[in-house]
Amino acid sequence: MKTKFFIPVLAVIFCTAMSFTTARTSANPTEDFVFKSGSWHAIPEMSCIDQNQSCLVRVLPDNTNYPIYDSQSFSEPKIGSGKVVGEVTID
């Protein structure tokens, strides 16, 4: 009799607990982001070599290097080799 009660209670507990878990959906796999002049700018996805340094991109026309982020958040920098991996034009 106890097992007929215990299994549904466990199922309800696990379902309730799993309802609070969420997947990270903020990162877009087709674009990266650069923070320039006080705002975020979407750029095409850049390929970076993981060497525990910043992944950088050169922004034209001012030829300044900026760190790349996986989303519009400073907490998600893209890890690279510390070298510039490409150039993009931002208006």
PDB file of N, CA and C in Angstrom:
ATOM      1  N   MET A   1       0.810  -1.187   0.000  1.00  0.00           N
ATOM      2  CA  MET A   1       0.000   0.000   0.000  1.00  0.00           C
ATOM      3  C   MET A   1       0.863   1.265   0.000  1.00  0.00           C
ATOM      4  N   LYS A   2       1.984   1.223   0.741  1.00  0.00           N
ATOM      5  CA  LYS A   2       2.840   2.393   0.822  1.00  0.00           C
ATOM      6  C   LYS A   2       3.495   2.706  -0.523  1.00  0.00           C
ATOM      7  N   THR A   3       3.868   1.676  -1.305  1.00  0.00           N
ATOM      8  CA  THR A   3       4.513   1.930  -2.593  1.00  0.00           C
ATOM      9  C   THR A   3       3.544   2.551  -3.585  1.00  0.00           C
ATOM     10  N   LYS A   4       2.269   2.242  -3.500  1.00  0.00           N
ATOM     11  CA  LYS A   4       1.294   2.850  -4.396  1.00  0.00           C
ATOM     12  C   LYS A   4       1.140   4.336  -4.114  1.00  0.00           C
ATOM     13  N   PHE A   5       1.439   4.752  -2.930  1.00  0.00           N
ATOM     14  CA  PHE A   5       1.375   6.161  -2.566  1.00  0.00           C
ATOM     15  C   PHE A   5       2.727   6.852  -2.804  1.00  0.00           C
ATOM     16  N   PHE A   6       3.819   6.161  -2.531  1.00  0.00           N
ATOM     17  CA  PHE A   6       5.165   6.738  -2.567  1.00  0.00           C
ATOM     18  C   PHE A   6       5.613   7.088  -3.997  1.00  0.00           C
ATOM     19  N   ILE A   7       5.358   6.237  -4.974  1.00  0.00           N
ATOM     20  CA  ILE A   7       5.806   6.478  -6.350  1.00  0.00           C
ATOM     21  C   ILE A   7       5.122   7.708  -6.959  1.00  0.00           C
ATOM     22  N   PRO A   8       3.818   7.875  -6.866  1.00  0.00           N
ATOM     23  CA  PRO A   8       3.225   9.112  -7.402  1.00  0.00           C
ATOM     24  C   PRO A   8       3.705  10.381  -6.700  1.00  0.00           C
ATOM     25  N   VAL A   9       3.960  10.296  -5.397  1.00  0.00           N
ATOM     26  CA  VAL A   9       4.470  11.464  -4.673  1.00  0.00           C
ATOM     27  C   VAL A   9       5.857  11.828  -5.192  1.00  0.00           C
ATOM     28  N   LEU A  10       6.707  10.840  -5.405  1.00  0.00           N
ATOM     29  CA  LEU A  10       8.031  11.103  -5.976  1.00  0.00           C
ATOM     30  C   LEU A  10       7.921  11.704  -7.371  1.00  0.00           C
ATOM     31  N   ALA A  11       7.009  11.210  -8.163  1.00  0.00           N
ATOM     32  CA  ALA A  11       6.816  11.743  -9.511  1.00  0.00           C
ATOM     33  C   ALA A  11       6.416  13.211  -9.468  1.00  0.00           C
ATOM     34  N   VAL A  12       5.529  13.568  -8.564  1.00  0.00           N
ATOM     35  CA  VAL A  12       5.112  14.971  -8.428  1.00  0.00           C
ATOM     36  C   VAL A  12       6.276  15.833  -7.977  1.00  0.00           C
ATOM     37  N   ILE A  13       7.060  15.351  -7.055  1.00  0.00           N
ATOM     38  CA  ILE A  13       8.224  16.111  -6.563  1.00  0.00           C
ATOM     39  C   ILE A  13       9.236  16.334  -7.684  1.00  0.00           C
ATOM     40  N   PHE A  14       9.548  15.287  -8.446  1.00  0.00           N
ATOM     41  CA  PHE A  14      10.520  15.420  -9.531  1.00  0.00           C
ATOM     42  C   PHE A  14       9.992  16.332 -10.641  1.00  0.00           C
ATOM     43  N   CYS A  15       8.723  16.227 -10.962  1.00  0.00           N
ATOM     44  CA  CYS A  15       8.143  17.101 -11.992  1.00  0.00           C
ATOM     45  C   CYS A  15       8.180  18.565 -11.562  1.00  0.00           C
ATOM     46  N   THR A  16       7.886  18.805 -10.311  1.00  0.00           N
ATOM     47  CA  THR A  16       7.927  20.174  -9.798  1.00  0.00           C
ATOM     48  C   THR A  16       9.359  20.709  -9.814  1.00  0.00           C
ATOM     49  N   ALA A  17      10.308  19.906  -9.398  1.00  0.00           N
ATOM     50  CA  ALA A  17      11.714  20.333  -9.401  1.00  0.00           C
ATOM     51  C   ALA A  17      12.213  20.596 -10.817  1.00  0.00           C
ATOM     52  N   MET A  18      11.857  19.761 -11.770  1.00  0.00           N
ATOM     53  CA  MET A  18      12.314  19.931 -13.146  1.00  0.00           C
ATOM     54  C   MET A  18      11.659  21.132 -13.821  1.00  0.00           C
ATOM     55  N   SER A  19      10.528  21.564 -13.336  1.00  0.00           N
ATOM     56  CA  SER A  19       9.880  22.722 -13.946  1.00  0.00           C
ATOM     57  C   SER A  19      10.662  24.006 -13.690  1.00  0.00           C
ATOM     58  N   PHE A  20      11.531  24.016 -12.687  1.00  0.00           N
ATOM     59  CA  PHE A  20      12.334  25.193 -12.383  1.00  0.00           C
ATOM     60  C   PHE A  20      13.667  25.216 -13.119  1.00  0.00           C
ATOM     61  N   THR A  21      14.029  24.162 -13.788  1.00  0.00           N
ATOM     62  CA  THR A  21      15.279  24.144 -14.539  1.00  0.00           C
ATOM     63  C   THR A  21      15.038  24.736 -15.917  1.00  0.00           C
ATOM     64  N   THR A  22      16.005  25.519 -16.372  1.00  0.00           N
ATOM     65  CA  THR A  22      15.894  26.127 -17.695  1.00  0.00           C
ATOM     66  C   THR A  22      17.199  25.954 -18.441  1.00  0.00           C
ATOM     67  N   ALA A  23      17.099  25.847 -19.739  1.00  0.00           N
ATOM     68  CA  ALA A  23      18.285  25.785 -20.581  1.00  0.00           C
ATOM     69  C   ALA A  23      18.721  27.198 -20.914  1.00  0.00           C
ATOM     70  N   ARG A  24      20.016  27.370 -21.154  1.00  0.00           N
ATOM     71  CA  ARG A  24      20.534  28.681 -21.528  1.00  0.00           C
ATOM     72  C   ARG A  24      20.143  28.956 -22.975  1.00  0.00           C
ATOM     73  N   THR A  25      19.249  29.893 -23.179  1.00  0.00           N
ATOM     74  CA  THR A  25      18.769  30.183 -24.520  1.00  0.00           C
ATOM     75  C   THR A  25      19.216  31.542 -25.021  1.00  0.00           C
ATOM     76  N   SER A  26      19.998  32.267 -24.232  1.00  0.00           N
ATOM     77  CA  SER A  26      20.375  33.621 -24.624  1.00  0.00           C
ATOM     78  C   SER A  26      21.443  33.643 -25.717  1.00  0.00           C
ATOM     79  N   ALA A  27      22.257  32.607 -25.818  1.00  0.00           N
ATOM     80  CA  ALA A  27      23.313  32.584 -26.809  1.00  0.00           C
ATOM     81  C   ALA A  27      22.768  32.142 -28.156  1.00  0.00           C
ATOM     82  N   ASN A  28      23.091  32.883 -29.185  1.00  0.00           N
ATOM     83  CA  ASN A  28      22.696  32.548 -30.545  1.00  0.00           C
ATOM     84  C   ASN A  28      23.898  31.916 -31.240  1.00  0.00           C
ATOM     85  N   PRO A  29      23.771  30.704 -31.763  1.00  0.00           N
ATOM     86  CA  PRO A  29      24.929  30.037 -32.354  1.00  0.00           C
ATOM     87  C   PRO A  29      25.389  30.620 -33.686  1.00  0.00           C
ATOM     88  N   THR A  30      24.613  31.536 -34.283  1.00  0.00           N
ATOM     89  CA  THR A  30      24.996  32.083 -35.589  1.00  0.00           C
ATOM     90  C   THR A  30      25.572  33.484 -35.514  1.00  0.00           C
ATOM     91  N   GLU A  31      25.595  34.085 -34.329  1.00  0.00           N
ATOM     92  CA  GLU A  31      26.160  35.421 -34.224  1.00  0.00           C
ATOM     93  C   GLU A  31      26.846  35.625 -32.882  1.00  0.00           C
ATOM     94  N   ASP A  32      27.782  36.555 -32.893  1.00  0.00           N
ATOM     95  CA  ASP A  32      28.477  36.989 -31.694  1.00  0.00           C
ATOM     96  C   ASP A  32      28.145  38.457 -31.491  1.00  0.00           C
ATOM     97  N   PHE A  33      28.697  39.047 -30.415  1.00  0.00           N
ATOM     98  CA  PHE A  33      28.373  40.432 -30.097  1.00  0.00           C
ATOM     99  C   PHE A  33      29.625  41.204 -29.702  1.00  0.00           C
ATOM    100  N   VAL A  34      29.600  42.504 -29.986  1.00  0.00           N
ATOM    101  CA  VAL A  34      30.662  43.432 -29.627  1.00  0.00           C
ATOM    102  C   VAL A  34      30.001  44.609 -28.922  1.00  0.00           C
ATOM    103  N   PHE A  35      30.618  45.072 -27.837  1.00  0.00           N
ATOM    104  CA  PHE A  35      30.111  46.250 -27.129  1.00  0.00           C
ATOM    105  C   PHE A  35      30.950  47.441 -27.553  1.00  0.00           C
ATOM    106  N   LYS A  36      30.323  48.349 -28.314  1.00  0.00           N
ATOM    107  CA  LYS A  36      31.036  49.514 -28.853  1.00  0.00           C
ATOM    108  C   LYS A  36      30.179  50.757 -28.669  1.00  0.00           C
ATOM    109  N   SER A  37      30.776  51.813 -28.195  1.00  0.00           N
ATOM    110  CA  SER A  37      30.110  53.113 -28.022  1.00  0.00           C
ATOM    111  C   SER A  37      28.849  53.018 -27.172  1.00  0.00           C
ATOM    112  N   GLY A  38      28.883  52.203 -26.125  1.00  0.00           N
ATOM    113  CA  GLY A  38      27.775  52.120 -25.195  1.00  0.00           C
ATOM    114  C   GLY A  38      26.610  51.238 -25.616  1.00  0.00           C
ATOM    115  N   SER A  39      26.766  50.464 -26.697  1.00  0.00           N
ATOM    116  CA  SER A  39      25.673  49.570 -27.104  1.00  0.00           C
ATOM    117  C   SER A  39      26.227  48.290 -27.709  1.00  0.00           C
ATOM    118  N   TRP A  40      25.382  47.266 -27.726  1.00  0.00           N
ATOM    119  CA  TRP A  40      25.754  45.959 -28.274  1.00  0.00           C
ATOM    120  C   TRP A  40      25.498  45.930 -29.774  1.00  0.00           C
ATOM    121  N   HIS A  41      26.422  45.312 -30.505  1.00  0.00           N
ATOM    122  CA  HIS A  41      26.289  45.159 -31.951  1.00  0.00           C
ATOM    123  C   HIS A  41      26.467  43.685 -32.296  1.00  0.00           C
ATOM    124  N   ALA A  42      25.529  43.150 -33.082  1.00  0.00           N
ATOM    125  CA  ALA A  42      25.625  41.757 -33.527  1.00  0.00           C
ATOM    126  C   ALA A  42      26.613  41.677 -34.681  1.00  0.00           C
ATOM    127  N   ILE A  43      27.458  40.652 -34.633  1.00  0.00           N
ATOM    128  CA  ILE A  43      28.412  40.392 -35.708  1.00  0.00           C
ATOM    129  C   ILE A  43      28.291  38.917 -36.086  1.00  0.00           C
ATOM    130  N   PRO A  44      28.778  38.532 -37.265  1.00  0.00           N
ATOM    131  CA  PRO A  44      28.734  37.108 -37.619  1.00  0.00           C
ATOM    132  C   PRO A  44      29.563  36.273 -36.636  1.00  0.00           C
ATOM    133  N   GLU A  45      29.215  35.011 -36.507  1.00  0.00           N
ATOM    134  CA  GLU A  45      29.945  34.088 -35.624  1.00  0.00           C
ATOM    135  C   GLU A  45      31.416  34.035 -36.022  1.00  0.00           C
ATOM    136  N   MET A  46      32.293  34.207 -35.046  1.00  0.00           N
ATOM    137  CA  MET A  46      33.736  34.169 -35.273  1.00  0.00           C
ATOM    138  C   MET A  46      34.309  32.882 -34.696  1.00  0.00           C
ATOM    139  N   SER A  47      35.290  32.344 -35.369  1.00  0.00           N
ATOM    140  CA  SER A  47      35.968  31.123 -34.929  1.00  0.00           C
ATOM    141  C   SER A  47      37.176  31.504 -34.091  1.00  0.00           C
ATOM    142  N   CYS A  48      37.204  31.085 -32.849  1.00  0.00           N
ATOM    143  CA  CYS A  48      38.296  31.425 -31.940  1.00  0.00           C
ATOM    144  C   CYS A  48      38.981  30.158 -31.448  1.00  0.00           C
ATOM    145  N   ILE A  49      40.296  30.244 -31.286  1.00  0.00           N
ATOM    146  CA  ILE A  49      41.070  29.135 -30.738  1.00  0.00           C
ATOM    147  C   ILE A  49      41.118  29.309 -29.226  1.00  0.00           C
ATOM    148  N   ASP A  50      40.668  28.308 -28.495  1.00  0.00           N
ATOM    149  CA  ASP A  50      40.561  28.388 -27.033  1.00  0.00           C
ATOM    150  C   ASP A  50      41.940  28.289 -26.385  1.00  0.00           C
ATOM    151  N   GLN A  51      42.450  29.458 -25.932  1.00  0.00           N
ATOM    152  CA  GLN A  51      43.733  29.488 -25.230  1.00  0.00           C
ATOM    153  C   GLN A  51      43.659  30.365 -23.984  1.00  0.00           C
ATOM    154  N   ASN A  52      42.480  30.477 -23.386  1.00  0.00           N
ATOM    155  CA  ASN A  52      42.268  31.194 -22.128  1.00  0.00           C
ATOM    156  C   ASN A  52      42.619  32.675 -22.182  1.00  0.00           C
ATOM    157  N   GLN A  53      42.424  33.304 -23.338  1.00  0.00           N
ATOM    158  CA  GLN A  53      42.584  34.745 -23.466  1.00  0.00           C
ATOM    159  C   GLN A  53      41.355  35.285 -24.190  1.00  0.00           C
ATOM    160  N   SER A  54      41.292  36.584 -24.371  1.00  0.00           N
ATOM    161  CA  SER A  54      40.162  37.188 -25.079  1.00  0.00           C
ATOM    162  C   SER A  54      40.219  36.871 -26.561  1.00  0.00           C
ATOM    163  N   CYS A  55      39.059  36.701 -27.151  1.00  0.00           N
ATOM    164  CA  CYS A  55      38.943  36.577 -28.600  1.00  0.00           C
ATOM    165  C   CYS A  55      38.607  37.973 -29.107  1.00  0.00           C
ATOM    166  N   LEU A  56      39.378  38.488 -30.044  1.00  0.00           N
ATOM    167  CA  LEU A  56      39.237  39.868 -30.496  1.00  0.00           C
ATOM    168  C   LEU A  56      38.824  39.949 -31.956  1.00  0.00           C
ATOM    169  N   VAL A  57      38.125  41.028 -32.297  1.00  0.00           N
ATOM    170  CA  VAL A  57      37.760  41.321 -33.675  1.00  0.00           C
ATOM    171  C   VAL A  57      38.099  42.786 -33.948  1.00  0.00           C
ATOM    172  N   ARG A  58      38.556  43.075 -35.155  1.00  0.00           N
ATOM    173  CA  ARG A  58      38.867  44.456 -35.545  1.00  0.00           C
ATOM    174  C   ARG A  58      37.609  45.053 -36.167  1.00  0.00           C
ATOM    175  N   VAL A  59      37.168  46.183 -35.605  1.00  0.00           N
ATOM    176  CA  VAL A  59      35.967  46.849 -36.090  1.00  0.00           C
ATOM    177  C   VAL A  59      36.387  47.992 -37.014  1.00  0.00           C
ATOM    178  N   LEU A  60      35.845  47.963 -38.218  1.00  0.00           N
ATOM    179  CA  LEU A  60      36.121  48.999 -39.206  1.00  0.00           C
ATOM    180  C   LEU A  60      34.998  50.030 -39.154  1.00  0.00           C
ATOM    181  N   PRO A  61      35.154  51.240 -39.475  1.00  0.00           N
ATOM    182  CA  PRO A  61      36.296  51.874 -40.115  1.00  0.00           C
ATOM    183  C   PRO A  61      37.340  52.438 -39.156  1.00  0.00           C
ATOM    184  N   ASP A  62      37.137  52.315 -37.815  1.00  0.00           N
ATOM    185  CA  ASP A  62      38.100  52.925 -36.891  1.00  0.00           C
ATOM    186  C   ASP A  62      39.295  52.033 -36.560  1.00  0.00           C
ATOM    187  N   ASN A  63      39.322  50.791 -37.059  1.00  0.00           N
ATOM    188  CA  ASN A  63      40.443  49.859 -36.866  1.00  0.00           C
ATOM    189  C   ASN A  63      40.789  49.622 -35.395  1.00  0.00           C
ATOM    190  N   THR A  64      39.768  49.544 -34.554  1.00  0.00           N
ATOM    191  CA  THR A  64      39.957  49.279 -33.138  1.00  0.00           C
ATOM    192  C   THR A  64      39.588  47.834 -32.841  1.00  0.00           C
ATOM    193  N   ASN A  65      40.377  47.182 -31.982  1.00  0.00           N
ATOM    194  CA  ASN A  65      40.101  45.801 -31.602  1.00  0.00           C
ATOM    195  C   ASN A  65      39.159  45.770 -30.398  1.00  0.00           C
ATOM    196  N   TYR A  66      38.151  44.901 -30.470  1.00  0.00           N
ATOM    197  CA  TYR A  66      37.172  44.741 -29.400  1.00  0.00           C
ATOM    198  C   TYR A  66      37.057  43.275 -29.023  1.00  0.00           C
ATOM    199  N   PRO A  67      36.804  42.987 -27.738  1.00  0.00           N
ATOM    200  CA  PRO A  67      36.551  41.592 -27.346  1.00  0.00           C
ATOM    201  C   PRO A  67      35.189  41.139 -27.869  1.00  0.00           C
ATOM    202  N   ILE A  68      35.085  39.843 -28.144  1.00  0.00           N
ATOM    203  CA  ILE A  68      33.863  39.244 -28.665  1.00  0.00           C
ATOM    204  C   ILE A  68      33.127  38.552 -27.518  1.00  0.00           C
ATOM    205  N   TYR A  69      31.799  38.630 -27.541  1.00  0.00           N
ATOM    206  CA  TYR A  69      30.954  37.982 -26.531  1.00  0.00           C
ATOM    207  C   TYR A  69      29.974  37.047 -27.218  1.00  0.00           C
ATOM    208  N   ASP A  70      29.620  35.947 -26.534  1.00  0.00           N
ATOM    209  CA  ASP A  70      28.659  34.992 -27.073  1.00  0.00           C
ATOM    210  C   ASP A  70      27.227  35.500 -27.002  1.00  0.00           C
ATOM    211  N   SER A  71      26.951  36.415 -26.085  1.00  0.00           N
ATOM    212  CA  SER A  71      25.622  37.005 -25.964  1.00  0.00           C
ATOM    213  C   SER A  71      25.793  38.460 -25.536  1.00  0.00           C
ATOM    214  N   GLN A  72      24.700  39.152 -25.370  1.00  0.00           N
ATOM    215  CA  GLN A  72      24.760  40.551 -24.961  1.00  0.00           C
ATOM    216  C   GLN A  72      24.928  40.649 -23.452  1.00  0.00           C
ATOM    217  N   SER A  73      26.018  40.045 -22.987  1.00  0.00           N
ATOM    218  CA  SER A  73      26.311  40.029 -21.555  1.00  0.00           C
ATOM    219  C   SER A  73      27.819  39.996 -21.362  1.00  0.00           C
ATOM    220  N   PHE A  74      28.306  40.843 -20.457  1.00  0.00           N
ATOM    221  CA  PHE A  74      29.743  40.851 -20.170  1.00  0.00           C
ATOM    222  C   PHE A  74      30.193  39.579 -19.466  1.00  0.00           C
ATOM    223  N   SER A  75      29.256  38.784 -18.983  1.00  0.00           N
ATOM    224  CA  SER A  75      29.612  37.553 -18.277  1.00  0.00           C
ATOM    225  C   SER A  75      29.873  36.384 -19.229  1.00  0.00           C
ATOM    226  N   GLU A  76      29.706  36.588 -20.538  1.00  0.00           N
ATOM    227  CA  GLU A  76      29.922  35.514 -21.506  1.00  0.00           C
ATOM    228  C   GLU A  76      30.934  35.909 -22.584  1.00  0.00           C
ATOM    229  N   PRO A  77      32.173  36.227 -22.182  1.00  0.00           N
ATOM    230  CA  PRO A  77      33.169  36.556 -23.208  1.00  0.00           C
ATOM    231  C   PRO A  77      33.567  35.307 -23.984  1.00  0.00           C
ATOM    232  N   LYS A  78      33.901  35.513 -25.237  1.00  0.00           N
ATOM    233  CA  LYS A  78      34.356  34.402 -26.065  1.00  0.00           C
ATOM    234  C   LYS A  78      35.855  34.228 -25.815  1.00  0.00           C
ATOM    235  N   ILE A  79      36.257  33.015 -25.525  1.00  0.00           N
ATOM    236  CA  ILE A  79      37.653  32.725 -25.194  1.00  0.00           C
ATOM    237  C   ILE A  79      38.435  32.444 -26.473  1.00  0.00           C
ATOM    238  N   GLY A  80      39.622  33.025 -26.556  1.00  0.00           N
ATOM    239  CA  GLY A  80      40.444  32.855 -27.749  1.00  0.00           C
ATOM    240  C   GLY A  80      41.924  32.911 -27.419  1.00  0.00           C
ATOM    241  N   SER A  81      42.707  33.301 -28.423  1.00  0.00           N
ATOM    242  CA  SER A  81      44.158  33.313 -28.284  1.00  0.00           C
ATOM    243  C   SER A  81      44.709  34.702 -27.980  1.00  0.00           C
ATOM    244  N   GLY A  82      43.853  35.705 -27.884  1.00  0.00           N
ATOM    245  CA  GLY A  82      44.315  37.064 -27.666  1.00  0.00           C
ATOM    246  C   GLY A  82      44.658  37.780 -28.951  1.00  0.00           C
ATOM    247  N   LYS A  83      44.477  37.114 -30.087  1.00  0.00           N
ATOM    248  CA  LYS A  83      44.767  37.707 -31.389  1.00  0.00           C
ATOM    249  C   LYS A  83      43.460  38.028 -32.110  1.00  0.00           C
ATOM    250  N   VAL A  84      43.538  38.944 -33.066  1.00  0.00           N
ATOM    251  CA  VAL A  84      42.383  39.334 -33.869  1.00  0.00           C
ATOM    252  C   VAL A  84      42.050  38.198 -34.832  1.00  0.00           C
ATOM    253  N   VAL A  85      40.772  37.778 -34.841  1.00  0.00           N
ATOM    254  CA  VAL A  85      40.348  36.656 -35.680  1.00  0.00           C
ATOM    255  C   VAL A  85      39.613  37.099 -36.936  1.00  0.00           C
ATOM    256  N   GLY A  86      39.334  38.391 -37.068  1.00  0.00           N
ATOM    257  CA  GLY A  86      38.631  38.861 -38.251  1.00  0.00           C
ATOM    258  C   GLY A  86      38.337  40.344 -38.180  1.00  0.00           C
ATOM    259  N   GLU A  87      37.691  40.836 -39.239  1.00  0.00           N
ATOM    260  CA  GLU A  87      37.301  42.233 -39.313  1.00  0.00           C
ATOM    261  C   GLU A  87      35.826  42.316 -39.630  1.00  0.00           C
ATOM    262  N   VAL A  88      35.151  43.283 -39.007  1.00  0.00           N
ATOM    263  CA  VAL A  88      33.736  43.537 -39.290  1.00  0.00           C
ATOM    264  C   VAL A  88      33.527  45.039 -39.395  1.00  0.00           C
ATOM    265  N   THR A  89      32.498  45.430 -40.126  1.00  0.00           N
ATOM    266  CA  THR A  89      32.142  46.832 -40.246  1.00  0.00           C
ATOM    267  C   THR A  89      30.883  47.088 -39.441  1.00  0.00           C
ATOM    268  N   ILE A  90      30.960  48.063 -38.544  1.00  0.00           N
ATOM    269  CA  ILE A  90      29.811  48.466 -37.728  1.00  0.00           C
ATOM    270  C   ILE A  90      29.586  49.949 -37.966  1.00  0.00           C
ATOM    271  N   ASP A  91      28.365  50.299 -38.278  1.00  0.00           N
ATOM    272  CA  ASP A  91      28.036  51.715 -38.529  1.00  0.00           C
ATOM    273  C   ASP A  91      27.968  52.509 -37.255  1.00  0.00           C
TER     274      ASP A  91
END
